[in-house]
Amino acid sequence: MVGGYASEIFGKDLKYFDLNIRVSKAGIGPISNGYVITFEDTLEVHSVELELASHPLRHIVPQVVGSVDGVGIVPI
């Protein structure tokens, strides 16, 4: 679903990849739901993690922390 609305969510000059793979340092970090590469002022890569609104923070926070610790990606 995100791929169809990627430009509305993330901006116009980008490429969204619907990939469920782990990109991490030393195998640490969650498996993301997708990745966005933006081409505006600078080239940036963002990890996309999709969550249900009904998921509690105790489920979401470890995934966000794992993304930052494992890959050095700052969640958007």
Protein backbone atom coordinates (compact mmCIF):
# COMPACT_ATOMS: atom_id res chain seq x y z
CA MET A 1 0.00 0.00 0.00
CA VAL A 2 2.83 2.43 0.81
CA GLY A 3 4.36 2.07 -2.66
CA GLY A 4 1.25 3.47 -4.30
CA TYR A 5 1.39 6.59 -2.12
CA ALA A 6 5.16 6.96 -1.67
CA SER A 7 5.40 10.36 -3.37
CA GLU A 8 2.55 11.73 -1.23
CA ILE A 9 4.14 10.38 1.96
CA PHE A 10 7.85 11.04 1.36
CA GLY A 11 8.01 13.63 -1.43
CA LYS A 12 8.28 13.70 -5.20
CA ASP A 13 11.94 12.99 -5.98
CA LEU A 14 12.38 9.47 -4.58
CA LYS A 15 12.32 5.75 -5.19
CA TYR A 16 10.46 3.41 -2.82
CA PHE A 17 11.53 -0.22 -2.51
CA ASP A 18 9.04 -2.66 -0.98
CA LEU A 19 11.69 -4.98 0.49
CA ASN A 20 11.57 -6.96 3.73
CA ILE A 21 15.29 -7.39 4.32
CA ARG A 22 17.71 -6.69 7.14
CA VAL A 23 20.32 -4.06 6.30
CA SER A 24 22.49 -3.75 9.36
CA LYS A 25 25.89 -3.72 10.96
CA ALA A 26 26.89 -7.16 12.26
CA GLY A 27 23.36 -8.57 11.83
CA ILE A 28 21.87 -6.23 14.44
CA GLY A 29 18.61 -4.44 13.74
CA PRO A 30 15.08 -5.19 12.62
CA ILE A 31 13.89 -6.31 9.22
CA SER A 32 12.39 -3.18 7.66
CA ASN A 33 9.19 -3.15 5.60
CA GLY A 34 10.74 -1.03 2.88
CA TYR A 35 13.34 1.54 1.96
CA VAL A 36 13.17 5.01 0.43
CA ILE A 37 15.98 6.68 -1.48
CA THR A 38 15.51 10.43 -1.86
CA PHE A 39 17.28 12.44 -4.55
CA GLU A 40 16.37 16.02 -3.59
CA ASP A 41 19.28 18.12 -2.24
CA THR A 42 21.35 15.13 -1.12
CA LEU A 43 21.05 11.39 -1.61
CA GLU A 44 19.49 9.82 1.49
CA VAL A 45 18.34 6.30 2.32
CA HIS A 46 15.54 5.78 4.85
CA SER A 47 14.30 2.59 6.44
CA VAL A 48 10.48 2.26 6.51
CA GLU A 49 8.80 0.45 9.39
CA LEU A 50 5.04 0.05 9.19
CA GLU A 51 3.03 -0.38 12.37
CA LEU A 52 -0.61 -0.68 13.24
CA ALA A 53 -2.07 2.11 15.36
CA SER A 54 -3.24 -0.60 17.76
CA HIS A 55 0.33 -1.78 18.50
CA PRO A 56 1.56 -0.68 21.93
CA LEU A 57 4.71 1.40 22.34
CA ARG A 58 6.47 -1.56 23.99
CA HIS A 59 6.28 -3.25 20.58
CA ILE A 60 7.29 -0.22 18.48
CA VAL A 61 10.11 1.34 20.55
CA PRO A 62 12.51 -1.66 20.39
CA GLN A 63 12.19 -1.69 16.60
CA VAL A 64 13.01 2.02 16.32
CA VAL A 65 15.94 1.70 18.73
CA GLY A 66 17.16 -1.36 16.82
CA SER A 67 17.10 0.62 13.59
CA VAL A 68 19.16 3.44 15.05
CA ASP A 69 21.65 1.13 16.83
CA GLY A 70 21.95 -1.46 14.10
CA VAL A 71 22.18 0.69 11.01
CA GLY A 72 22.61 4.25 12.17
CA ILE A 73 19.37 5.27 10.42
CA VAL A 74 17.33 8.00 12.06
CA PRO A 75 13.61 7.13 11.77
CA ILE A 76 11.45 9.67 9.96
